[in-house]
PDB file of N, CA and C in Angstrom:
ATOM      1  N   UNK A   1     -19.637  -2.756 -36.725  1.00  0.00           N
ATOM      2  CA  UNK A   1     -18.629  -1.746 -36.423  1.00  0.00           C
ATOM      3  C   UNK A   1     -19.257  -0.553 -35.691  1.00  0.00           C
ATOM      4  N   UNK A   2     -20.378  -0.069 -36.226  1.00  0.00           N
ATOM      5  CA  UNK A   2     -21.050   1.081 -35.620  1.00  0.00           C
ATOM      6  C   UNK A   2     -21.504   0.769 -34.198  1.00  0.00           C
ATOM      7  N   UNK A   3     -21.959  -0.486 -33.980  1.00  0.00           N
ATOM      8  CA  UNK A   3     -22.380  -0.893 -32.637  1.00  0.00           C
ATOM      9  C   UNK A   3     -21.224  -0.791 -31.651  1.00  0.00           C
ATOM     10  N   UNK A   4     -20.057  -1.189 -32.097  1.00  0.00           N
ATOM     11  CA  UNK A   4     -18.876  -1.132 -31.223  1.00  0.00           C
ATOM     12  C   UNK A   4     -18.502   0.304 -30.902  1.00  0.00           C
ATOM     13  N   UNK A   5     -18.580   1.159 -31.889  1.00  0.00           N
ATOM     14  CA  UNK A   5     -18.263   2.572 -31.683  1.00  0.00           C
ATOM     15  C   UNK A   5     -19.242   3.185 -30.679  1.00  0.00           C
ATOM     16  N   UNK A   6     -20.518   2.859 -30.817  1.00  0.00           N
ATOM     17  CA  UNK A   6     -21.515   3.367 -29.877  1.00  0.00           C
ATOM     18  C   UNK A   6     -21.277   2.821 -28.471  1.00  0.00           C
ATOM     19  N   UNK A   7     -20.910   1.548 -28.383  1.00  0.00           N
ATOM     20  CA  UNK A   7     -20.637   0.941 -27.079  1.00  0.00           C
ATOM     21  C   UNK A   7     -19.426   1.606 -26.426  1.00  0.00           C
ATOM     22  N   UNK A   8     -18.393   1.884 -27.217  1.00  0.00           N
ATOM     23  CA  UNK A   8     -17.207   2.573 -26.694  1.00  0.00           C
ATOM     24  C   UNK A   8     -17.601   3.947 -26.154  1.00  0.00           C
ATOM     25  N   UNK A   9     -18.417   4.671 -26.912  1.00  0.00           N
ATOM     26  CA  UNK A   9     -18.856   5.995 -26.478  1.00  0.00           C
ATOM     27  C   UNK A   9     -19.643   5.894 -25.170  1.00  0.00           C
ATOM     28  N   UNK A  10     -20.510   4.907 -25.075  1.00  0.00           N
ATOM     29  CA  UNK A  10     -21.301   4.692 -23.863  1.00  0.00           C
ATOM     30  C   UNK A  10     -20.394   4.382 -22.667  1.00  0.00           C
ATOM     31  N   UNK A  11     -19.433   3.516 -22.869  1.00  0.00           N
ATOM     32  CA  UNK A  11     -18.517   3.147 -21.791  1.00  0.00           C
ATOM     33  C   UNK A  11     -17.644   4.324 -21.367  1.00  0.00           C
ATOM     34  N   UNK A  12     -17.236   5.136 -22.321  1.00  0.00           N
ATOM     35  CA  UNK A  12     -16.454   6.327 -21.979  1.00  0.00           C
ATOM     36  C   UNK A  12     -17.277   7.303 -21.143  1.00  0.00           C
ATOM     37  N   UNK A  13     -18.564   7.406 -21.452  1.00  0.00           N
ATOM     38  CA  UNK A  13     -19.447   8.239 -20.637  1.00  0.00           C
ATOM     39  C   UNK A  13     -19.522   7.720 -19.211  1.00  0.00           C
ATOM     40  N   UNK A  14     -19.568   6.394 -19.075  1.00  0.00           N
ATOM     41  CA  UNK A  14     -19.587   5.790 -17.744  1.00  0.00           C
ATOM     42  C   UNK A  14     -18.288   6.090 -16.994  1.00  0.00           C
ATOM     43  N   UNK A  15     -17.162   5.998 -17.690  1.00  0.00           N
ATOM     44  CA  UNK A  15     -15.872   6.338 -17.073  1.00  0.00           C
ATOM     45  C   UNK A  15     -15.865   7.796 -16.630  1.00  0.00           C
ATOM     46  N   UNK A  16     -16.402   8.681 -17.454  1.00  0.00           N
ATOM     47  CA  UNK A  16     -16.465  10.102 -17.086  1.00  0.00           C
ATOM     48  C   UNK A  16     -17.266  10.308 -15.804  1.00  0.00           C
ATOM     49  N   UNK A  17     -18.391   9.613 -15.674  1.00  0.00           N
ATOM     50  CA  UNK A  17     -19.210   9.731 -14.458  1.00  0.00           C
ATOM     51  C   UNK A  17     -18.460   9.185 -13.240  1.00  0.00           C
ATOM     52  N   UNK A  18     -17.776   8.079 -13.428  1.00  0.00           N
ATOM     53  CA  UNK A  18     -16.981   7.502 -12.335  1.00  0.00           C
ATOM     54  C   UNK A  18     -15.874   8.466 -11.927  1.00  0.00           C
ATOM     55  N   UNK A  19     -15.200   9.054 -12.924  1.00  0.00           N
ATOM     56  CA  UNK A  19     -14.133  10.022 -12.635  1.00  0.00           C
ATOM     57  C   UNK A  19     -14.663  11.195 -11.816  1.00  0.00           C
ATOM     58  N   UNK A  20     -15.853  11.675 -12.150  1.00  0.00           N
ATOM     59  CA  UNK A  20     -16.451  12.779 -11.394  1.00  0.00           C
ATOM     60  C   UNK A  20     -16.684  12.379  -9.939  1.00  0.00           C
ATOM     61  N   UNK A  21     -17.148  11.156  -9.725  1.00  0.00           N
ATOM     62  CA  UNK A  21     -17.362  10.671  -8.356  1.00  0.00           C
ATOM     63  C   UNK A  21     -16.036  10.564  -7.607  1.00  0.00           C
ATOM     64  N   UNK A  22     -15.016  10.054  -8.280  1.00  0.00           N
ATOM     65  CA  UNK A  22     -13.692   9.931  -7.659  1.00  0.00           C
ATOM     66  C   UNK A  22     -13.176  11.307  -7.249  1.00  0.00           C
ATOM     67  N   UNK A  23     -13.324  12.284  -8.125  1.00  0.00           N
ATOM     68  CA  UNK A  23     -12.860  13.642  -7.833  1.00  0.00           C
ATOM     69  C   UNK A  23     -13.586  14.205  -6.616  1.00  0.00           C
ATOM     70  N   UNK A  24     -14.897  14.015  -6.549  1.00  0.00           N
ATOM     71  CA  UNK A  24     -15.657  14.506  -5.389  1.00  0.00           C
ATOM     72  C   UNK A  24     -15.177  13.839  -4.104  1.00  0.00           C
ATOM     73  N   UNK A  25     -14.943  12.539  -4.154  1.00  0.00           N
ATOM     74  CA  UNK A  25     -14.473  11.824  -2.968  1.00  0.00           C
ATOM     75  C   UNK A  25     -13.071  12.269  -2.566  1.00  0.00           C
ATOM     76  N   UNK A  26     -12.208  12.515  -3.557  1.00  0.00           N
ATOM     77  CA  UNK A  26     -10.861  12.990  -3.241  1.00  0.00           C
ATOM     78  C   UNK A  26     -10.901  14.385  -2.625  1.00  0.00           C
ATOM     79  N   UNK A  27     -11.787  15.237  -3.139  1.00  0.00           N
ATOM     80  CA  UNK A  27     -11.933  16.569  -2.547  1.00  0.00           C
ATOM     81  C   UNK A  27     -12.386  16.460  -1.095  1.00  0.00           C
ATOM     82  N   UNK A  28     -13.321  15.560  -0.813  1.00  0.00           N
ATOM     83  CA  UNK A  28     -13.785  15.347   0.562  1.00  0.00           C
ATOM     84  C   UNK A  28     -12.647  14.814   1.422  1.00  0.00           C
ATOM     85  N   UNK A  29     -11.851  13.891   0.858  1.00  0.00           N
ATOM     86  CA  UNK A  29     -10.718  13.328   1.600  1.00  0.00           C
ATOM     87  C   UNK A  29      -9.734  14.429   1.988  1.00  0.00           C
ATOM     88  N   UNK A  30      -9.488  15.362   1.069  1.00  0.00           N
ATOM     89  CA  UNK A  30      -8.564  16.455   1.360  1.00  0.00           C
ATOM     90  C   UNK A  30      -9.126  17.401   2.417  1.00  0.00           C
ATOM     91  N   UNK A  31     -10.438  17.611   2.410  1.00  0.00           N
ATOM     92  CA  UNK A  31     -11.052  18.424   3.468  1.00  0.00           C
ATOM     93  C   UNK A  31     -10.798  17.785   4.833  1.00  0.00           C
ATOM     94  N   UNK A  32     -10.993  16.484   4.896  1.00  0.00           N
ATOM     95  CA  UNK A  32     -10.778  15.763   6.153  1.00  0.00           C
ATOM     96  C   UNK A  32      -9.298  15.812   6.536  1.00  0.00           C
ATOM     97  N   UNK A  33      -8.403  15.656   5.548  1.00  0.00           N
ATOM     98  CA  UNK A  33      -6.961  15.716   5.818  1.00  0.00           C
ATOM     99  C   UNK A  33      -6.572  17.087   6.368  1.00  0.00           C
ATOM    100  N   UNK A  34      -7.165  18.157   5.822  1.00  0.00           N
ATOM    101  CA  UNK A  34      -6.893  19.505   6.335  1.00  0.00           C
ATOM    102  C   UNK A  34      -7.308  19.615   7.800  1.00  0.00           C
ATOM    103  N   UNK A  35      -8.474  19.081   8.106  1.00  0.00           N
ATOM    104  CA  UNK A  35      -8.960  19.124   9.488  1.00  0.00           C
ATOM    105  C   UNK A  35      -8.031  18.333  10.408  1.00  0.00           C
ATOM    106  N   UNK A  36      -7.579  17.176   9.940  1.00  0.00           N
ATOM    107  CA  UNK A  36      -6.628  16.380  10.721  1.00  0.00           C
ATOM    108  C   UNK A  36      -5.346  17.175  10.938  1.00  0.00           C
ATOM    109  N   UNK A  37      -4.868  17.846   9.889  1.00  0.00           N
ATOM    110  CA  UNK A  37      -3.658  18.656  10.008  1.00  0.00           C
ATOM    111  C   UNK A  37      -3.806  19.750  11.050  1.00  0.00           C
ATOM    112  N   UNK A  38      -4.958  20.392  11.078  1.00  0.00           N
ATOM    113  CA  UNK A  38      -5.225  21.432  12.073  1.00  0.00           C
ATOM    114  C   UNK A  38      -5.191  20.852  13.484  1.00  0.00           C
ATOM    115  N   UNK A  39      -5.824  19.694  13.656  1.00  0.00           N
ATOM    116  CA  UNK A  39      -5.840  19.047  14.973  1.00  0.00           C
ATOM    117  C   UNK A  39      -4.450  18.580  15.386  1.00  0.00           C
ATOM    118  N   UNK A  40      -3.684  18.047  14.428  1.00  0.00           N
ATOM    119  CA  UNK A  40      -2.314  17.619  14.735  1.00  0.00           C
ATOM    120  C   UNK A  40      -1.469  18.809  15.173  1.00  0.00           C
ATOM    121  N   UNK A  41      -1.597  19.920  14.449  1.00  0.00           N
ATOM    122  CA  UNK A  41      -0.819  21.115  14.793  1.00  0.00           C
ATOM    123  C   UNK A  41      -1.179  21.600  16.196  1.00  0.00           C
ATOM    124  N   UNK A  42      -2.464  21.613  16.504  1.00  0.00           N
ATOM    125  CA  UNK A  42      -2.907  22.067  17.824  1.00  0.00           C
ATOM    126  C   UNK A  42      -2.410  21.145  18.933  1.00  0.00           C
ATOM    127  N   UNK A  43      -2.262  19.859  18.596  1.00  0.00           N
ATOM    128  CA  UNK A  43      -1.805  18.882  19.593  1.00  0.00           C
ATOM    129  C   UNK A  43      -0.291  18.714  19.595  1.00  0.00           C
ATOM    130  N   UNK A  44       0.394  19.429  18.688  1.00  0.00           N
ATOM    131  CA  UNK A  44       1.847  19.320  18.601  1.00  0.00           C
ATOM    132  C   UNK A  44       2.317  17.991  18.032  1.00  0.00           C
ATOM    133  N   UNK A  45       1.474  17.365  17.219  1.00  0.00           N
ATOM    134  CA  UNK A  45       1.818  16.077  16.606  1.00  0.00           C
ATOM    135  C   UNK A  45       2.432  16.291  15.229  1.00  0.00           C
ATOM    136  N   UNK A  46       3.298  15.386  14.782  1.00  0.00           N
ATOM    137  CA  UNK A  46       3.876  15.506  13.444  1.00  0.00           C
ATOM    138  C   UNK A  46       2.820  15.241  12.371  1.00  0.00           C
ATOM    139  N   UNK A  47       2.993  15.871  11.232  1.00  0.00           N
ATOM    140  CA  UNK A  47       2.073  15.674  10.111  1.00  0.00           C
ATOM    141  C   UNK A  47       2.164  14.242   9.593  1.00  0.00           C
ATOM    142  N   UNK A  48       3.371  13.744   9.452  1.00  0.00           N
ATOM    143  CA  UNK A  48       3.566  12.412   8.874  1.00  0.00           C
ATOM    144  C   UNK A  48       3.410  11.347   9.951  1.00  0.00           C
ATOM    145  N   UNK A  49       2.542  10.374   9.655  1.00  0.00           N
ATOM    146  CA  UNK A  49       2.310   9.229  10.530  1.00  0.00           C
ATOM    147  C   UNK A  49       2.580   7.982   9.694  1.00  0.00           C
ATOM    148  N   UNK A  50       3.823   7.516   9.736  1.00  0.00           N
ATOM    149  CA  UNK A  50       4.233   6.400   8.882  1.00  0.00           C
ATOM    150  C   UNK A  50       3.396   5.143   9.095  1.00  0.00           C
ATOM    151  N   UNK A  51       3.030   4.860  10.317  1.00  0.00           N
ATOM    152  CA  UNK A  51       2.222   3.661  10.591  1.00  0.00           C
ATOM    153  C   UNK A  51       0.855   3.769   9.920  1.00  0.00           C
ATOM    154  N   UNK A  52       0.233   4.920  10.030  1.00  0.00           N
ATOM    155  CA  UNK A  52      -1.074   5.135   9.393  1.00  0.00           C
ATOM    156  C   UNK A  52      -0.955   5.006   7.880  1.00  0.00           C
ATOM    157  N   UNK A  53       0.096   5.569   7.304  1.00  0.00           N
ATOM    158  CA  UNK A  53       0.283   5.479   5.862  1.00  0.00           C
ATOM    159  C   UNK A  53       0.477   4.030   5.433  1.00  0.00           C
ATOM    160  N   UNK A  54       1.225   3.261   6.219  1.00  0.00           N
ATOM    161  CA  UNK A  54       1.399   1.834   5.908  1.00  0.00           C
ATOM    162  C   UNK A  54       0.058   1.101   5.933  1.00  0.00           C
ATOM    163  N   UNK A  55      -0.779   1.429   6.916  1.00  0.00           N
ATOM    164  CA  UNK A  55      -2.101   0.808   7.004  1.00  0.00           C
ATOM    165  C   UNK A  55      -2.936   1.106   5.763  1.00  0.00           C
ATOM    166  N   UNK A  56      -2.943   2.360   5.342  1.00  0.00           N
ATOM    167  CA  UNK A  56      -3.716   2.758   4.160  1.00  0.00           C
ATOM    168  C   UNK A  56      -3.203   2.020   2.932  1.00  0.00           C
ATOM    169  N   UNK A  57      -1.886   1.991   2.762  1.00  0.00           N
ATOM    170  CA  UNK A  57      -1.305   1.336   1.590  1.00  0.00           C
ATOM    171  C   UNK A  57      -1.524  -0.173   1.618  1.00  0.00           C
ATOM    172  N   UNK A  58      -1.524  -0.760   2.778  1.00  0.00           N
ATOM    173  CA  UNK A  58      -1.769  -2.199   2.897  1.00  0.00           C
ATOM    174  C   UNK A  58      -3.194  -2.535   2.451  1.00  0.00           C
ATOM    175  N   UNK A  59      -4.156  -1.698   2.840  1.00  0.00           N
ATOM    176  CA  UNK A  59      -5.552  -1.933   2.441  1.00  0.00           C
ATOM    177  C   UNK A  59      -5.744  -1.766   0.943  1.00  0.00           C
ATOM    178  N   UNK A  60      -4.924  -0.953   0.336  1.00  0.00           N
ATOM    179  CA  UNK A  60      -5.093  -0.619  -1.079  1.00  0.00           C
ATOM    180  C   UNK A  60      -3.952  -1.169  -1.926  1.00  0.00           C
ATOM    181  N   UNK A  61      -3.497  -2.377  -1.618  1.00  0.00           N
ATOM    182  CA  UNK A  61      -2.333  -2.950  -2.311  1.00  0.00           C
ATOM    183  C   UNK A  61      -2.412  -2.808  -3.826  1.00  0.00           C
ATOM    184  N   UNK A  62      -3.552  -3.150  -4.376  1.00  0.00           N
ATOM    185  CA  UNK A  62      -3.723  -3.142  -5.831  1.00  0.00           C
ATOM    186  C   UNK A  62      -3.545  -1.738  -6.416  1.00  0.00           C
ATOM    187  N   UNK A  63      -3.859  -0.743  -5.624  1.00  0.00           N
ATOM    188  CA  UNK A  63      -3.807   0.640  -6.097  1.00  0.00           C
ATOM    189  C   UNK A  63      -2.741   1.438  -5.357  1.00  0.00           C
ATOM    190  N   UNK A  64      -1.687   0.785  -4.943  1.00  0.00           N
ATOM    191  CA  UNK A  64      -0.646   1.396  -4.113  1.00  0.00           C
ATOM    192  C   UNK A  64      -0.115   2.705  -4.696  1.00  0.00           C
ATOM    193  N   UNK A  65       0.233   2.710  -5.972  1.00  0.00           N
ATOM    194  CA  UNK A  65       0.814   3.925  -6.569  1.00  0.00           C
ATOM    195  C   UNK A  65      -0.169   5.088  -6.527  1.00  0.00           C
ATOM    196  N   UNK A  66      -1.429   4.795  -6.754  1.00  0.00           N
ATOM    197  CA  UNK A  66      -2.441   5.850  -6.699  1.00  0.00           C
ATOM    198  C   UNK A  66      -2.541   6.389  -5.274  1.00  0.00           C
ATOM    199  N   UNK A  67      -2.576   5.484  -4.299  1.00  0.00           N
ATOM    200  CA  UNK A  67      -2.704   5.922  -2.912  1.00  0.00           C
ATOM    201  C   UNK A  67      -1.449   6.624  -2.413  1.00  0.00           C
ATOM    202  N   UNK A  68      -0.293   6.280  -2.932  1.00  0.00           N
ATOM    203  CA  UNK A  68       0.921   7.023  -2.570  1.00  0.00           C
ATOM    204  C   UNK A  68       0.782   8.478  -3.001  1.00  0.00           C
ATOM    205  N   UNK A  69       0.228   8.692  -4.196  1.00  0.00           N
ATOM    206  CA  UNK A  69       0.011  10.059  -4.680  1.00  0.00           C
ATOM    207  C   UNK A  69      -1.044  10.772  -3.833  1.00  0.00           C
ATOM    208  N   UNK A  70      -2.115  10.061  -3.480  1.00  0.00           N
ATOM    209  CA  UNK A  70      -3.164  10.652  -2.649  1.00  0.00           C
ATOM    210  C   UNK A  70      -2.600  11.051  -1.288  1.00  0.00           C
ATOM    211  N   UNK A  71      -1.788  10.186  -0.704  1.00  0.00           N
ATOM    212  CA  UNK A  71      -1.178  10.490   0.596  1.00  0.00           C
ATOM    213  C   UNK A  71      -0.271  11.711   0.490  1.00  0.00           C
ATOM    214  N   UNK A  72       0.490  11.812  -0.594  1.00  0.00           N
ATOM    215  CA  UNK A  72       1.384  12.959  -0.777  1.00  0.00           C
ATOM    216  C   UNK A  72       0.590  14.266  -0.822  1.00  0.00           C
ATOM    217  N   UNK A  73      -0.518  14.268  -1.545  1.00  0.00           N
ATOM    218  CA  UNK A  73      -1.351  15.472  -1.617  1.00  0.00           C
ATOM    219  C   UNK A  73      -1.971  15.755  -0.251  1.00  0.00           C
ATOM    220  N   UNK A  74      -2.384  14.709   0.447  1.00  0.00           N
ATOM    221  CA  UNK A  74      -2.958  14.888   1.787  1.00  0.00           C
ATOM    222  C   UNK A  74      -1.942  15.500   2.740  1.00  0.00           C
ATOM    223  N   UNK A  75      -0.693  15.072   2.634  1.00  0.00           N
ATOM    224  CA  UNK A  75       0.367  15.677   3.458  1.00  0.00           C
ATOM    225  C   UNK A  75       0.491  17.160   3.149  1.00  0.00           C
ATOM    226  N   UNK A  76       0.479  17.481   1.855  1.00  0.00           N
ATOM    227  CA  UNK A  76       0.625  18.880   1.442  1.00  0.00           C
ATOM    228  C   UNK A  76      -0.460  19.761   2.049  1.00  0.00           C
ATOM    229  N   UNK A  77      -1.711  19.305   2.008  1.00  0.00           N
ATOM    230  CA  UNK A  77      -2.785  20.162   2.523  1.00  0.00           C
ATOM    231  C   UNK A  77      -2.745  20.268   4.040  1.00  0.00           C
ATOM    232  N   UNK A  78      -2.138  19.303   4.704  1.00  0.00           N
ATOM    233  CA  UNK A  78      -2.032  19.381   6.160  1.00  0.00           C
ATOM    234  C   UNK A  78      -1.004  20.423   6.593  1.00  0.00           C
ATOM    235  N   UNK A  79      -0.092  20.780   5.701  1.00  0.00           N
ATOM    236  CA  UNK A  79       0.932  21.782   6.017  1.00  0.00           C
ATOM    237  C   UNK A  79       0.403  23.203   5.879  1.00  0.00           C
ATOM    238  N   UNK A  80      -0.782  23.366   5.321  1.00  0.00           N
ATOM    239  CA  UNK A  80      -1.324  24.713   5.091  1.00  0.00           C
ATOM    240  C   UNK A  80      -1.738  25.385   6.363  1.00  0.00           C
TER     241      UNK A  80
END
């Protein structure tokens, strides 16, 4: 029993480290999205690119709901 509890604690620590990496990557993604938004505004292009969003979601089929949320946040930062 104690071995299982220790293993659970170890695995949770691994999840925490993975979560930290995901957060860093998402922050970087938003930085890039902001830069894209600035370039789109300067070029007079619309923020929303439905074809690009479809491409992203197609690549991430298994994680579609997560990527829909990521895209929504990316849209928000491009409006700033």
